[in-house]
N, C-alpha and C. Protein backbone atom coordinates (compact mmCIF):
# COMPACT_ATOMS: atom_id res chain seq x y z
N MET A 1 0.85 -1.19 0.00
CA MET A 1 0.00 0.00 0.00
C MET A 1 0.88 1.24 0.00
N HIS A 2 0.68 2.08 -0.99
CA HIS A 2 1.47 3.30 -1.12
C HIS A 2 0.52 4.49 -1.26
N THR A 3 0.79 5.55 -0.51
CA THR A 3 -0.13 6.70 -0.48
C THR A 3 0.59 7.98 -0.84
N GLU A 4 -0.05 8.79 -1.69
CA GLU A 4 0.44 10.11 -2.03
C GLU A 4 -0.66 11.12 -1.76
N ILE A 5 -0.30 12.29 -1.23
CA ILE A 5 -1.26 13.36 -0.95
C ILE A 5 -1.03 14.50 -1.95
N SER A 6 -2.08 14.91 -2.62
CA SER A 6 -2.03 16.01 -3.58
C SER A 6 -2.95 17.14 -3.15
N TYR A 7 -2.68 18.34 -3.66
CA TYR A 7 -3.53 19.52 -3.51
C TYR A 7 -3.66 20.01 -2.06
N SER A 8 -2.68 19.71 -1.23
CA SER A 8 -2.68 20.23 0.15
C SER A 8 -2.33 21.72 0.12
N PRO A 9 -2.70 22.48 1.16
CA PRO A 9 -3.46 22.02 2.32
C PRO A 9 -4.96 22.29 2.24
N ALA A 10 -5.42 22.97 1.17
CA ALA A 10 -6.83 23.39 1.16
C ALA A 10 -7.79 22.31 0.68
N PHE A 11 -7.39 21.58 -0.36
CA PHE A 11 -8.30 20.61 -0.97
C PHE A 11 -7.58 19.28 -1.19
N ALA A 12 -7.07 18.72 -0.13
CA ALA A 12 -6.21 17.54 -0.22
C ALA A 12 -6.94 16.32 -0.77
N LEU A 13 -6.20 15.53 -1.54
CA LEU A 13 -6.69 14.28 -2.12
C LEU A 13 -5.66 13.20 -1.83
N ALA A 14 -6.10 12.06 -1.30
CA ALA A 14 -5.21 10.94 -1.02
C ALA A 14 -5.32 9.92 -2.15
N ARG A 15 -4.17 9.58 -2.74
CA ARG A 15 -4.12 8.58 -3.82
C ARG A 15 -3.47 7.33 -3.24
N VAL A 16 -4.25 6.26 -3.11
CA VAL A 16 -3.77 5.02 -2.51
C VAL A 16 -3.60 3.98 -3.60
N ARG A 17 -2.39 3.46 -3.73
CA ARG A 17 -2.10 2.41 -4.71
C ARG A 17 -1.95 1.08 -3.97
N LEU A 18 -2.70 0.09 -4.44
CA LEU A 18 -2.71 -1.23 -3.83
C LEU A 18 -2.11 -2.26 -4.77
N ASP A 19 -1.33 -3.19 -4.19
CA ASP A 19 -0.90 -4.36 -4.94
C ASP A 19 -2.03 -5.38 -4.93
N ALA A 20 -1.94 -6.37 -5.78
CA ALA A 20 -2.97 -7.40 -5.84
C ALA A 20 -3.15 -8.07 -4.47
N GLY A 21 -4.39 -8.13 -4.00
CA GLY A 21 -4.69 -8.74 -2.72
C GLY A 21 -4.69 -7.79 -1.54
N GLU A 22 -4.18 -6.58 -1.71
CA GLU A 22 -4.16 -5.61 -0.62
C GLU A 22 -5.52 -4.94 -0.46
N SER A 23 -5.80 -4.48 0.78
CA SER A 23 -7.07 -3.83 1.07
C SER A 23 -6.86 -2.54 1.84
N VAL A 24 -7.81 -1.63 1.68
CA VAL A 24 -7.83 -0.40 2.46
C VAL A 24 -9.27 -0.16 2.90
N VAL A 25 -9.44 0.30 4.14
CA VAL A 25 -10.76 0.55 4.72
C VAL A 25 -10.96 2.06 4.79
N ALA A 26 -12.18 2.53 4.44
CA ALA A 26 -12.42 3.97 4.42
C ALA A 26 -13.79 4.30 5.00
N GLU A 27 -13.89 5.51 5.50
CA GLU A 27 -15.15 6.06 5.96
C GLU A 27 -16.14 6.11 4.79
N ALA A 28 -17.41 5.82 5.05
CA ALA A 28 -18.43 5.86 4.00
C ALA A 28 -18.48 7.24 3.37
N GLY A 29 -18.49 7.28 2.03
CA GLY A 29 -18.54 8.54 1.32
C GLY A 29 -17.21 9.19 1.06
N ALA A 30 -16.10 8.55 1.49
CA ALA A 30 -14.78 9.16 1.34
C ALA A 30 -14.18 8.94 -0.05
N MET A 31 -14.65 7.91 -0.77
CA MET A 31 -14.05 7.61 -2.07
C MET A 31 -14.38 8.69 -3.10
N VAL A 32 -13.35 9.08 -3.86
CA VAL A 32 -13.53 10.00 -5.00
C VAL A 32 -13.57 9.22 -6.30
N GLY A 33 -12.65 8.26 -6.46
CA GLY A 33 -12.62 7.45 -7.66
C GLY A 33 -11.74 6.23 -7.45
N MET A 34 -11.87 5.24 -8.36
CA MET A 34 -11.04 4.05 -8.27
C MET A 34 -10.88 3.43 -9.65
N SER A 35 -9.79 2.69 -9.81
CA SER A 35 -9.49 2.06 -11.09
C SER A 35 -10.20 0.72 -11.19
N ALA A 36 -10.17 0.14 -12.41
CA ALA A 36 -10.73 -1.18 -12.61
C ALA A 36 -9.92 -2.21 -11.83
N GLY A 37 -10.57 -3.28 -11.43
CA GLY A 37 -9.87 -4.31 -10.68
C GLY A 37 -9.91 -4.13 -9.18
N VAL A 38 -10.59 -3.07 -8.72
CA VAL A 38 -10.75 -2.85 -7.28
C VAL A 38 -12.19 -3.17 -6.90
N GLU A 39 -12.38 -4.06 -5.95
CA GLU A 39 -13.70 -4.45 -5.49
C GLU A 39 -13.98 -3.80 -4.13
N VAL A 40 -15.24 -3.48 -3.91
CA VAL A 40 -15.62 -2.82 -2.66
C VAL A 40 -16.66 -3.66 -1.91
N LYS A 41 -16.51 -3.74 -0.61
CA LYS A 41 -17.44 -4.44 0.26
C LYS A 41 -17.84 -3.49 1.38
N THR A 42 -19.13 -3.28 1.55
CA THR A 42 -19.65 -2.38 2.59
C THR A 42 -20.18 -3.20 3.75
N GLN A 43 -19.71 -2.90 4.93
CA GLN A 43 -20.15 -3.64 6.10
C GLN A 43 -19.88 -2.83 7.36
N SER A 44 -20.52 -3.27 8.44
CA SER A 44 -20.22 -2.69 9.75
C SER A 44 -19.02 -3.43 10.29
N ARG A 45 -17.85 -2.85 10.12
CA ARG A 45 -16.61 -3.53 10.47
C ARG A 45 -16.54 -3.75 11.97
N GLY A 46 -16.32 -5.01 12.36
CA GLY A 46 -16.27 -5.36 13.77
C GLY A 46 -17.61 -5.76 14.33
N GLY A 47 -18.66 -5.76 13.49
CA GLY A 47 -19.99 -6.14 13.95
C GLY A 47 -20.90 -4.97 14.23
N VAL A 48 -22.15 -5.28 14.56
CA VAL A 48 -23.17 -4.25 14.76
C VAL A 48 -22.82 -3.33 15.92
N MET A 49 -22.37 -3.90 17.04
CA MET A 49 -22.08 -3.07 18.20
C MET A 49 -20.91 -2.12 17.94
N ALA A 50 -19.89 -2.61 17.23
CA ALA A 50 -18.76 -1.75 16.91
C ALA A 50 -19.20 -0.62 15.99
N GLY A 51 -20.10 -0.94 15.03
CA GLY A 51 -20.61 0.09 14.13
C GLY A 51 -21.42 1.14 14.87
N LEU A 52 -22.24 0.69 15.83
CA LEU A 52 -23.03 1.63 16.63
C LEU A 52 -22.14 2.53 17.47
N LYS A 53 -21.10 1.98 18.04
CA LYS A 53 -20.18 2.77 18.85
C LYS A 53 -19.51 3.84 18.01
N ARG A 54 -19.08 3.47 16.79
CA ARG A 54 -18.42 4.45 15.92
C ARG A 54 -19.37 5.55 15.49
N SER A 55 -20.63 5.18 15.17
CA SER A 55 -21.57 6.17 14.64
C SER A 55 -22.22 7.01 15.73
N VAL A 56 -22.74 6.36 16.76
CA VAL A 56 -23.47 7.07 17.81
C VAL A 56 -22.52 7.79 18.76
N LEU A 57 -21.42 7.14 19.11
CA LEU A 57 -20.51 7.70 20.11
C LEU A 57 -19.33 8.42 19.48
N GLY A 58 -18.80 7.88 18.39
CA GLY A 58 -17.60 8.45 17.80
C GLY A 58 -17.84 9.45 16.70
N GLY A 59 -19.11 9.59 16.24
CA GLY A 59 -19.43 10.58 15.23
C GLY A 59 -19.04 10.19 13.82
N GLU A 60 -18.71 8.91 13.59
CA GLU A 60 -18.36 8.43 12.26
C GLU A 60 -19.53 7.63 11.69
N SER A 61 -19.38 7.12 10.46
CA SER A 61 -20.47 6.39 9.83
C SER A 61 -20.58 4.98 10.41
N PHE A 62 -21.80 4.44 10.37
CA PHE A 62 -22.06 3.08 10.87
C PHE A 62 -21.35 2.06 9.98
N PHE A 63 -21.47 2.24 8.66
CA PHE A 63 -20.85 1.33 7.71
C PHE A 63 -19.52 1.87 7.23
N MET A 64 -18.61 0.95 6.93
CA MET A 64 -17.32 1.31 6.36
C MET A 64 -17.11 0.50 5.08
N ASN A 65 -16.36 1.07 4.15
CA ASN A 65 -16.09 0.41 2.88
C ASN A 65 -14.69 -0.18 2.87
N THR A 66 -14.60 -1.45 2.48
CA THR A 66 -13.31 -2.11 2.33
C THR A 66 -13.03 -2.29 0.84
N PHE A 67 -11.95 -1.71 0.36
CA PHE A 67 -11.57 -1.79 -1.05
C PHE A 67 -10.42 -2.79 -1.17
N THR A 68 -10.60 -3.81 -2.01
CA THR A 68 -9.60 -4.84 -2.22
C THR A 68 -9.23 -4.92 -3.69
N ALA A 69 -7.94 -4.93 -3.97
CA ALA A 69 -7.47 -4.96 -5.35
C ALA A 69 -7.29 -6.41 -5.80
N SER A 70 -8.01 -6.82 -6.85
CA SER A 70 -7.80 -8.15 -7.44
C SER A 70 -6.54 -8.15 -8.30
N THR A 71 -6.28 -7.02 -8.92
CA THR A 71 -5.00 -6.74 -9.57
C THR A 71 -4.52 -5.41 -9.02
N ALA A 72 -3.32 -5.01 -9.34
CA ALA A 72 -2.81 -3.73 -8.85
C ALA A 72 -3.76 -2.61 -9.25
N GLY A 73 -4.15 -1.76 -8.29
CA GLY A 73 -5.14 -0.73 -8.57
C GLY A 73 -4.92 0.52 -7.74
N GLU A 74 -5.83 1.47 -7.91
CA GLU A 74 -5.72 2.77 -7.25
C GLU A 74 -7.08 3.25 -6.80
N ILE A 75 -7.12 3.86 -5.61
CA ILE A 75 -8.33 4.50 -5.08
C ILE A 75 -7.94 5.89 -4.60
N THR A 76 -8.82 6.87 -4.82
CA THR A 76 -8.58 8.21 -4.29
C THR A 76 -9.64 8.53 -3.25
N PHE A 77 -9.22 9.22 -2.18
CA PHE A 77 -10.10 9.58 -1.08
C PHE A 77 -9.98 11.07 -0.78
N ALA A 78 -11.07 11.65 -0.28
CA ALA A 78 -11.06 13.05 0.15
C ALA A 78 -12.06 13.22 1.28
N PRO A 79 -11.80 14.13 2.21
CA PRO A 79 -12.75 14.39 3.30
C PRO A 79 -13.91 15.25 2.82
N ALA A 80 -14.95 15.33 3.64
CA ALA A 80 -16.14 16.12 3.27
C ALA A 80 -15.84 17.61 3.29
N LEU A 81 -15.04 18.07 4.25
CA LEU A 81 -14.73 19.49 4.38
C LEU A 81 -13.43 19.83 3.66
N PRO A 82 -13.28 21.07 3.16
CA PRO A 82 -12.02 21.46 2.55
C PRO A 82 -10.91 21.49 3.58
N GLY A 83 -9.84 20.80 3.28
CA GLY A 83 -8.76 20.75 4.26
C GLY A 83 -7.65 19.84 3.83
N ASP A 84 -6.88 19.38 4.80
CA ASP A 84 -5.65 18.64 4.56
C ASP A 84 -5.81 17.17 4.92
N ILE A 85 -4.85 16.37 4.50
CA ILE A 85 -4.76 14.96 4.86
C ILE A 85 -3.31 14.67 5.23
N VAL A 86 -3.11 13.95 6.33
CA VAL A 86 -1.77 13.50 6.67
C VAL A 86 -1.76 11.97 6.73
N VAL A 87 -0.59 11.41 6.41
CA VAL A 87 -0.37 9.97 6.48
C VAL A 87 0.36 9.68 7.78
N TRP A 88 -0.25 8.88 8.64
CA TRP A 88 0.36 8.51 9.91
C TRP A 88 0.66 7.02 9.86
N GLU A 89 1.93 6.67 9.80
CA GLU A 89 2.33 5.27 9.75
C GLU A 89 2.40 4.71 11.17
N LEU A 90 1.53 3.77 11.46
CA LEU A 90 1.48 3.16 12.78
C LEU A 90 2.32 1.89 12.81
N SER A 91 2.96 1.66 13.93
CA SER A 91 3.79 0.46 14.09
C SER A 91 3.42 -0.27 15.37
N GLY A 92 2.11 -0.41 15.59
CA GLY A 92 1.63 -1.12 16.77
C GLY A 92 1.15 -0.22 17.89
N GLN A 93 1.32 1.10 17.74
CA GLN A 93 0.89 2.01 18.79
C GLN A 93 -0.59 2.38 18.64
N THR A 94 -1.09 3.12 19.61
CA THR A 94 -2.48 3.58 19.61
C THR A 94 -2.50 5.10 19.50
N VAL A 95 -3.41 5.62 18.68
CA VAL A 95 -3.60 7.07 18.56
C VAL A 95 -5.08 7.37 18.73
N LEU A 96 -5.39 8.60 19.12
CA LEU A 96 -6.76 9.03 19.34
C LEU A 96 -7.12 10.13 18.37
N LEU A 97 -8.30 10.01 17.74
CA LEU A 97 -8.77 10.97 16.75
C LEU A 97 -10.07 11.60 17.23
N THR A 98 -10.24 12.89 16.97
CA THR A 98 -11.51 13.53 17.28
C THR A 98 -12.52 13.24 16.17
N SER A 99 -13.78 13.48 16.46
CA SER A 99 -14.87 13.14 15.55
C SER A 99 -14.69 13.79 14.18
N GLY A 100 -14.85 12.98 13.12
CA GLY A 100 -14.80 13.48 11.76
C GLY A 100 -13.42 13.51 11.14
N CYS A 101 -12.38 13.13 11.88
CA CYS A 101 -11.01 13.24 11.37
C CYS A 101 -10.46 11.92 10.81
N TYR A 102 -11.19 10.82 10.99
CA TYR A 102 -10.77 9.55 10.39
C TYR A 102 -11.19 9.53 8.93
N LEU A 103 -10.27 9.18 8.03
CA LEU A 103 -10.58 9.10 6.61
C LEU A 103 -10.46 7.67 6.09
N ALA A 104 -9.32 7.04 6.29
CA ALA A 104 -9.10 5.68 5.80
C ALA A 104 -7.90 5.08 6.51
N SER A 105 -7.74 3.75 6.34
CA SER A 105 -6.60 3.08 6.97
C SER A 105 -6.40 1.72 6.32
N ALA A 106 -5.22 1.16 6.53
CA ALA A 106 -4.95 -0.20 6.08
C ALA A 106 -5.86 -1.17 6.82
N ALA A 107 -6.12 -2.32 6.21
CA ALA A 107 -7.01 -3.30 6.81
C ALA A 107 -6.45 -3.86 8.11
N THR A 108 -5.16 -3.68 8.35
CA THR A 108 -4.52 -4.17 9.57
C THR A 108 -4.69 -3.23 10.76
N VAL A 109 -5.35 -2.10 10.53
CA VAL A 109 -5.56 -1.10 11.58
C VAL A 109 -6.98 -1.21 12.12
N ASP A 110 -7.12 -1.22 13.43
CA ASP A 110 -8.43 -1.35 14.08
C ASP A 110 -8.93 0.02 14.53
N VAL A 111 -10.22 0.29 14.27
CA VAL A 111 -10.84 1.57 14.63
C VAL A 111 -11.95 1.31 15.63
N ASP A 112 -11.84 1.88 16.82
CA ASP A 112 -12.83 1.68 17.88
C ASP A 112 -13.08 3.03 18.54
N THR A 113 -13.91 3.04 19.59
CA THR A 113 -14.17 4.27 20.32
C THR A 113 -13.58 4.18 21.72
N LYS A 114 -13.33 5.33 22.29
CA LYS A 114 -12.76 5.39 23.64
C LYS A 114 -13.49 6.49 24.40
N TRP A 115 -13.92 6.17 25.61
CA TRP A 115 -14.57 7.19 26.45
C TRP A 115 -13.52 8.15 26.95
N GLY A 116 -13.75 9.43 26.71
CA GLY A 116 -12.78 10.44 27.12
C GLY A 116 -12.79 10.74 28.60
N GLY A 117 -13.78 10.25 29.32
CA GLY A 117 -13.87 10.52 30.75
C GLY A 117 -14.65 11.79 31.03
N ALA A 118 -14.95 12.00 32.30
CA ALA A 118 -15.76 13.15 32.70
C ALA A 118 -15.09 14.47 32.37
N LYS A 119 -13.76 14.46 32.21
CA LYS A 119 -13.04 15.70 31.93
C LYS A 119 -13.40 16.28 30.57
N THR A 120 -14.02 15.49 29.67
CA THR A 120 -14.41 16.01 28.37
C THR A 120 -15.90 16.32 28.29
N PHE A 121 -16.60 16.30 29.42
CA PHE A 121 -18.05 16.41 29.40
C PHE A 121 -18.53 17.69 28.73
N PHE A 122 -17.85 18.80 28.97
CA PHE A 122 -18.29 20.09 28.42
C PHE A 122 -17.59 20.42 27.10
N SER A 123 -16.77 19.50 26.59
CA SER A 123 -16.07 19.76 25.34
C SER A 123 -17.01 19.65 24.17
N ALA A 124 -16.83 20.52 23.15
CA ALA A 124 -17.65 20.46 21.95
C ALA A 124 -17.47 19.14 21.22
N GLU A 125 -16.35 18.44 21.45
CA GLU A 125 -16.10 17.18 20.77
C GLU A 125 -16.77 16.00 21.47
N GLY A 126 -17.37 16.23 22.62
CA GLY A 126 -18.13 15.17 23.27
C GLY A 126 -17.26 14.25 24.11
N LEU A 127 -17.90 13.19 24.58
CA LEU A 127 -17.27 12.28 25.51
C LEU A 127 -16.38 11.24 24.85
N PHE A 128 -16.53 11.03 23.54
CA PHE A 128 -15.86 9.90 22.90
C PHE A 128 -14.89 10.32 21.82
N LEU A 129 -13.80 9.59 21.75
CA LEU A 129 -12.79 9.77 20.72
C LEU A 129 -12.67 8.46 19.95
N LEU A 130 -12.16 8.51 18.73
CA LEU A 130 -11.86 7.29 18.00
C LEU A 130 -10.49 6.78 18.45
N LYS A 131 -10.45 5.49 18.77
CA LYS A 131 -9.22 4.84 19.21
C LYS A 131 -8.72 3.97 18.06
N VAL A 132 -7.56 4.31 17.52
CA VAL A 132 -7.02 3.63 16.35
C VAL A 132 -5.75 2.90 16.77
N THR A 133 -5.72 1.58 16.53
CA THR A 133 -4.61 0.74 16.99
C THR A 133 -4.17 -0.19 15.87
N GLY A 134 -2.88 -0.50 15.82
CA GLY A 134 -2.40 -1.49 14.88
C GLY A 134 -1.14 -1.07 14.17
N ALA A 135 -0.83 -1.80 13.12
CA ALA A 135 0.34 -1.51 12.30
C ALA A 135 -0.12 -1.29 10.86
N GLY A 136 0.26 -0.16 10.28
CA GLY A 136 -0.16 0.14 8.92
C GLY A 136 -0.42 1.62 8.75
N THR A 137 -0.93 1.98 7.58
CA THR A 137 -1.15 3.37 7.22
C THR A 137 -2.50 3.87 7.74
N LEU A 138 -2.49 5.05 8.33
CA LEU A 138 -3.70 5.74 8.77
C LEU A 138 -3.77 7.09 8.08
N LEU A 139 -4.91 7.41 7.47
CA LEU A 139 -5.12 8.71 6.84
C LEU A 139 -6.01 9.55 7.73
N VAL A 140 -5.49 10.70 8.14
CA VAL A 140 -6.20 11.60 9.04
C VAL A 140 -6.52 12.89 8.28
N SER A 141 -7.77 13.34 8.36
CA SER A 141 -8.18 14.54 7.63
C SER A 141 -8.51 15.67 8.59
N SER A 142 -8.58 16.89 8.04
CA SER A 142 -8.82 18.06 8.87
C SER A 142 -9.70 19.05 8.13
N TYR A 143 -10.14 20.08 8.86
CA TYR A 143 -10.77 21.25 8.25
C TYR A 143 -9.71 22.35 8.28
N GLY A 144 -9.22 22.73 7.11
CA GLY A 144 -8.07 23.62 7.04
C GLY A 144 -6.79 22.81 7.00
N ALA A 145 -5.66 23.47 7.14
CA ALA A 145 -4.37 22.79 7.11
C ALA A 145 -4.11 22.10 8.45
N ILE A 146 -3.15 21.18 8.42
CA ILE A 146 -2.77 20.44 9.63
C ILE A 146 -1.36 20.84 10.04
N GLU A 147 -1.21 21.12 11.33
CA GLU A 147 0.11 21.35 11.90
C GLU A 147 0.46 20.20 12.83
N ALA A 148 1.64 19.64 12.66
CA ALA A 148 2.12 18.56 13.53
C ALA A 148 3.10 19.14 14.55
N ARG A 149 2.97 18.69 15.79
CA ARG A 149 3.90 19.10 16.84
C ARG A 149 4.29 17.85 17.63
N ASP A 150 5.58 17.72 17.90
CA ASP A 150 6.08 16.62 18.72
C ASP A 150 6.44 17.17 20.10
N LEU A 151 5.68 16.75 21.10
CA LEU A 151 5.89 17.24 22.46
C LEU A 151 6.89 16.36 23.19
N ALA A 152 7.81 17.01 23.87
CA ALA A 152 8.76 16.29 24.71
C ALA A 152 8.06 15.85 26.00
N ALA A 153 8.68 14.96 26.73
CA ALA A 153 8.11 14.49 28.00
C ALA A 153 7.91 15.67 28.94
N GLY A 154 6.68 15.84 29.43
CA GLY A 154 6.37 16.93 30.34
C GLY A 154 6.04 18.24 29.68
N GLU A 155 6.26 18.35 28.37
CA GLU A 155 5.95 19.59 27.66
C GLU A 155 4.45 19.71 27.44
N THR A 156 3.89 20.88 27.71
CA THR A 156 2.44 21.10 27.59
C THR A 156 2.15 22.13 26.52
N TYR A 157 1.12 21.85 25.74
CA TYR A 157 0.68 22.80 24.71
C TYR A 157 -0.84 22.88 24.80
N THR A 158 -1.38 24.11 24.78
CA THR A 158 -2.82 24.32 24.94
C THR A 158 -3.45 24.63 23.58
N VAL A 159 -4.55 23.93 23.27
CA VAL A 159 -5.21 24.05 21.98
C VAL A 159 -6.70 24.26 22.20
N ASP A 160 -7.30 25.17 21.42
CA ASP A 160 -8.76 25.30 21.43
C ASP A 160 -9.37 23.95 21.09
N SER A 161 -10.43 23.57 21.81
CA SER A 161 -10.98 22.22 21.66
C SER A 161 -11.42 21.92 20.23
N GLY A 162 -11.85 22.92 19.48
CA GLY A 162 -12.31 22.70 18.12
C GLY A 162 -11.20 22.54 17.11
N HIS A 163 -9.95 22.71 17.54
CA HIS A 163 -8.82 22.61 16.62
C HIS A 163 -7.99 21.35 16.82
N VAL A 164 -8.36 20.52 17.79
CA VAL A 164 -7.64 19.26 18.01
C VAL A 164 -8.06 18.24 16.96
N VAL A 165 -7.08 17.62 16.30
CA VAL A 165 -7.34 16.59 15.30
C VAL A 165 -7.05 15.21 15.84
N ALA A 166 -5.82 14.99 16.31
CA ALA A 166 -5.40 13.67 16.76
C ALA A 166 -4.16 13.80 17.64
N PHE A 167 -3.92 12.75 18.43
CA PHE A 167 -2.70 12.72 19.24
C PHE A 167 -2.41 11.29 19.66
N ALA A 168 -1.14 11.02 19.92
CA ALA A 168 -0.73 9.70 20.38
C ALA A 168 -1.29 9.45 21.78
N ASP A 169 -1.53 8.17 22.09
CA ASP A 169 -2.12 7.87 23.41
C ASP A 169 -1.12 8.05 24.54
N THR A 170 0.15 8.33 24.20
CA THR A 170 1.14 8.66 25.23
C THR A 170 0.98 10.10 25.72
N VAL A 171 0.19 10.89 25.00
CA VAL A 171 -0.06 12.28 25.37
C VAL A 171 -1.22 12.34 26.36
N GLN A 172 -1.01 13.00 27.48
CA GLN A 172 -2.06 13.20 28.46
C GLN A 172 -2.87 14.44 28.08
N TYR A 173 -4.19 14.41 28.31
CA TYR A 173 -5.01 15.56 27.92
C TYR A 173 -6.03 15.88 29.01
N ALA A 174 -6.36 17.16 29.08
CA ALA A 174 -7.34 17.64 30.04
C ALA A 174 -8.06 18.84 29.44
N VAL A 175 -9.38 18.88 29.58
CA VAL A 175 -10.18 20.00 29.09
C VAL A 175 -10.37 21.00 30.21
N ASN A 176 -10.01 22.26 29.95
CA ASN A 176 -10.07 23.30 30.97
C ASN A 176 -10.72 24.56 30.43
N LYS A 177 -11.02 25.47 31.33
CA LYS A 177 -11.53 26.79 30.93
C LYS A 177 -10.41 27.59 30.28
N PHE A 178 -10.81 28.53 29.42
CA PHE A 178 -9.85 29.45 28.82
C PHE A 178 -9.68 30.62 29.79
N GLY A 179 -8.68 30.51 30.67
CA GLY A 179 -8.51 31.52 31.71
C GLY A 179 -9.61 31.38 32.74
N GLY A 180 -10.14 32.52 33.22
CA GLY A 180 -11.26 32.50 34.16
C GLY A 180 -12.57 32.35 33.42
N TRP A 181 -13.68 32.35 34.20
CA TRP A 181 -14.99 32.18 33.57
C TRP A 181 -15.32 33.34 32.64
N LYS A 182 -14.87 34.54 32.97
CA LYS A 182 -15.13 35.69 32.10
C LYS A 182 -14.46 35.50 30.75
N SER A 183 -13.21 35.05 30.76
CA SER A 183 -12.49 34.80 29.51
C SER A 183 -13.12 33.64 28.75
N THR A 184 -13.58 32.61 29.48
CA THR A 184 -14.19 31.45 28.83
C THR A 184 -15.47 31.83 28.11
N LEU A 185 -16.31 32.65 28.77
CA LEU A 185 -17.60 32.99 28.21
C LEU A 185 -17.53 34.12 27.19
N LEU A 186 -16.61 35.08 27.40
CA LEU A 186 -16.58 36.28 26.56
C LEU A 186 -15.36 36.38 25.66
N GLY A 187 -14.37 35.54 25.88
CA GLY A 187 -13.11 35.67 25.14
C GLY A 187 -13.11 35.01 23.79
N GLY A 188 -14.21 34.30 23.43
CA GLY A 188 -14.30 33.70 22.11
C GLY A 188 -13.60 32.36 21.97
N GLU A 189 -12.96 31.88 23.04
CA GLU A 189 -12.24 30.62 22.94
C GLU A 189 -13.02 29.45 23.54
N GLY A 190 -13.87 29.71 24.52
CA GLY A 190 -14.60 28.61 25.15
C GLY A 190 -13.66 27.74 25.96
N LEU A 191 -13.71 26.43 25.71
CA LEU A 191 -12.88 25.49 26.43
C LEU A 191 -11.64 25.13 25.62
N VAL A 192 -10.58 24.83 26.32
CA VAL A 192 -9.32 24.47 25.66
C VAL A 192 -8.87 23.11 26.17
N VAL A 193 -7.98 22.50 25.39
CA VAL A 193 -7.43 21.19 25.75
C VAL A 193 -5.95 21.37 26.04
N GLN A 194 -5.53 20.94 27.21
CA GLN A 194 -4.11 20.95 27.57
C GLN A 194 -3.53 19.58 27.25
N LEU A 195 -2.59 19.55 26.33
CA LEU A 195 -1.95 18.32 25.89
C LEU A 195 -0.53 18.29 26.44
N THR A 196 -0.16 17.18 27.10
CA THR A 196 1.14 17.07 27.73
C THR A 196 1.86 15.84 27.20
N GLY A 197 3.09 16.05 26.69
CA GLY A 197 3.86 14.99 26.07
C GLY A 197 4.43 14.00 27.06
N PRO A 198 5.03 12.94 26.51
CA PRO A 198 5.61 12.88 25.16
C PRO A 198 4.62 12.36 24.12
N GLY A 199 4.85 12.78 22.88
CA GLY A 199 4.07 12.26 21.78
C GLY A 199 3.72 13.30 20.75
N ARG A 200 3.21 12.84 19.61
CA ARG A 200 2.84 13.72 18.51
C ARG A 200 1.39 14.15 18.62
N ILE A 201 1.12 15.42 18.27
CA ILE A 201 -0.24 15.93 18.19
C ILE A 201 -0.44 16.57 16.81
N TYR A 202 -1.68 16.53 16.33
CA TYR A 202 -2.04 17.20 15.08
C TYR A 202 -3.13 18.22 15.38
N ILE A 203 -2.98 19.42 14.81
CA ILE A 203 -3.89 20.53 15.04
C ILE A 203 -4.39 21.04 13.69
N GLN A 204 -5.70 21.35 13.60
CA GLN A 204 -6.22 21.91 12.36
C GLN A 204 -6.34 23.43 12.48
N THR A 205 -6.07 24.13 11.35
CA THR A 205 -6.02 25.59 11.39
C THR A 205 -7.41 26.23 11.36
N ARG A 206 -8.44 25.45 11.12
CA ARG A 206 -9.81 25.98 11.14
C ARG A 206 -10.68 25.09 12.04
N SER A 207 -11.74 25.65 12.56
CA SER A 207 -12.66 24.92 13.43
C SER A 207 -14.02 24.80 12.76
N PRO A 208 -14.54 23.60 12.57
CA PRO A 208 -15.88 23.45 11.99
C PRO A 208 -16.95 24.20 12.79
N GLN A 209 -16.86 24.13 14.11
CA GLN A 209 -17.85 24.83 14.93
C GLN A 209 -17.72 26.33 14.77
N GLY A 210 -16.50 26.83 14.61
CA GLY A 210 -16.30 28.26 14.38
C GLY A 210 -16.96 28.70 13.09
N PHE A 211 -16.86 27.86 12.04
CA PHE A 211 -17.50 28.20 10.78
C PHE A 211 -19.02 28.19 10.92
N ILE A 212 -19.54 27.20 11.64
CA ILE A 212 -20.98 27.13 11.87
C ILE A 212 -21.47 28.37 12.62
N ASP A 213 -20.72 28.77 13.65
CA ASP A 213 -21.11 29.95 14.42
C ASP A 213 -21.07 31.22 13.56
N TRP A 214 -20.13 31.27 12.61
CA TRP A 214 -20.01 32.45 11.75
C TRP A 214 -21.14 32.51 10.73
N ILE A 215 -21.50 31.36 10.15
CA ILE A 215 -22.46 31.38 9.04
C ILE A 215 -23.91 31.36 9.50
N THR A 216 -24.18 30.84 10.70
CA THR A 216 -25.57 30.72 11.16
C THR A 216 -26.34 32.03 11.15
N PRO A 217 -25.79 33.15 11.64
CA PRO A 217 -26.55 34.41 11.60
C PRO A 217 -26.83 34.91 10.19
N LEU A 218 -26.10 34.43 9.20
CA LEU A 218 -26.27 34.88 7.82
C LEU A 218 -27.32 34.07 7.07
N LEU A 219 -27.75 32.94 7.63
CA LEU A 219 -28.71 32.09 6.93
C LEU A 219 -30.10 32.71 6.98
N PRO A 220 -30.88 32.59 5.91
CA PRO A 220 -32.25 33.13 5.92
C PRO A 220 -33.11 32.37 6.90
N THR A 221 -34.00 33.09 7.56
CA THR A 221 -34.93 32.48 8.51
C THR A 221 -36.31 32.43 7.87
N GLN A 222 -37.20 31.73 8.52
CA GLN A 222 -38.57 31.63 8.02
C GLN A 222 -39.27 32.98 7.99
N ARG A 223 -38.94 33.81 8.99
CA ARG A 223 -39.55 35.13 9.05
C ARG A 223 -39.06 36.03 7.92
N SER A 224 -37.72 35.91 7.60
CA SER A 224 -37.18 36.77 6.56
C SER A 224 -37.59 36.30 5.16
């Protein structure tokens, strides 16, 4: 499995080339195109309960598509929102993704949900994160460009909750107020996530919720 990313960072496209017999799993609706000789199977990967956990708790689709090449072939993937894609090569470790940031992965990678704990109760991202484990290629998507940061042991970096994309499970995280309550309510930041290394984190330069908040007052209402 070989992956190339084109048109970053605004309108990224992932081009995945498979050898005969290789498979790639993708979020429903992520495929842009594919060559002849690639077969697709749609199923709730891991069973009904795993599909429900991903859709109801993790914010992803219930069904996932598995693309298998009978001969050498190619599939292209893109996220729903304009933004970037990064390739994260896993070697047996576990990483955590926020809702909507999973795009595709090798068939050897397992995608499940993880309860974030009570500390995420007031976070816009909710109580659950996607837990991705295994060895193989993981494609992570964003709204806007993606910035990668490698935190040293004990190093802390604070990120607006709507800009967190993914992080290694070696990174400790806590959701806190942005300063005092006055800053939290009036400062435009809301809640923030404190990430403490060691490990890699990915941050997106735009927030989907920020865009929703900006465009909602401009939408026509029934009265208007």
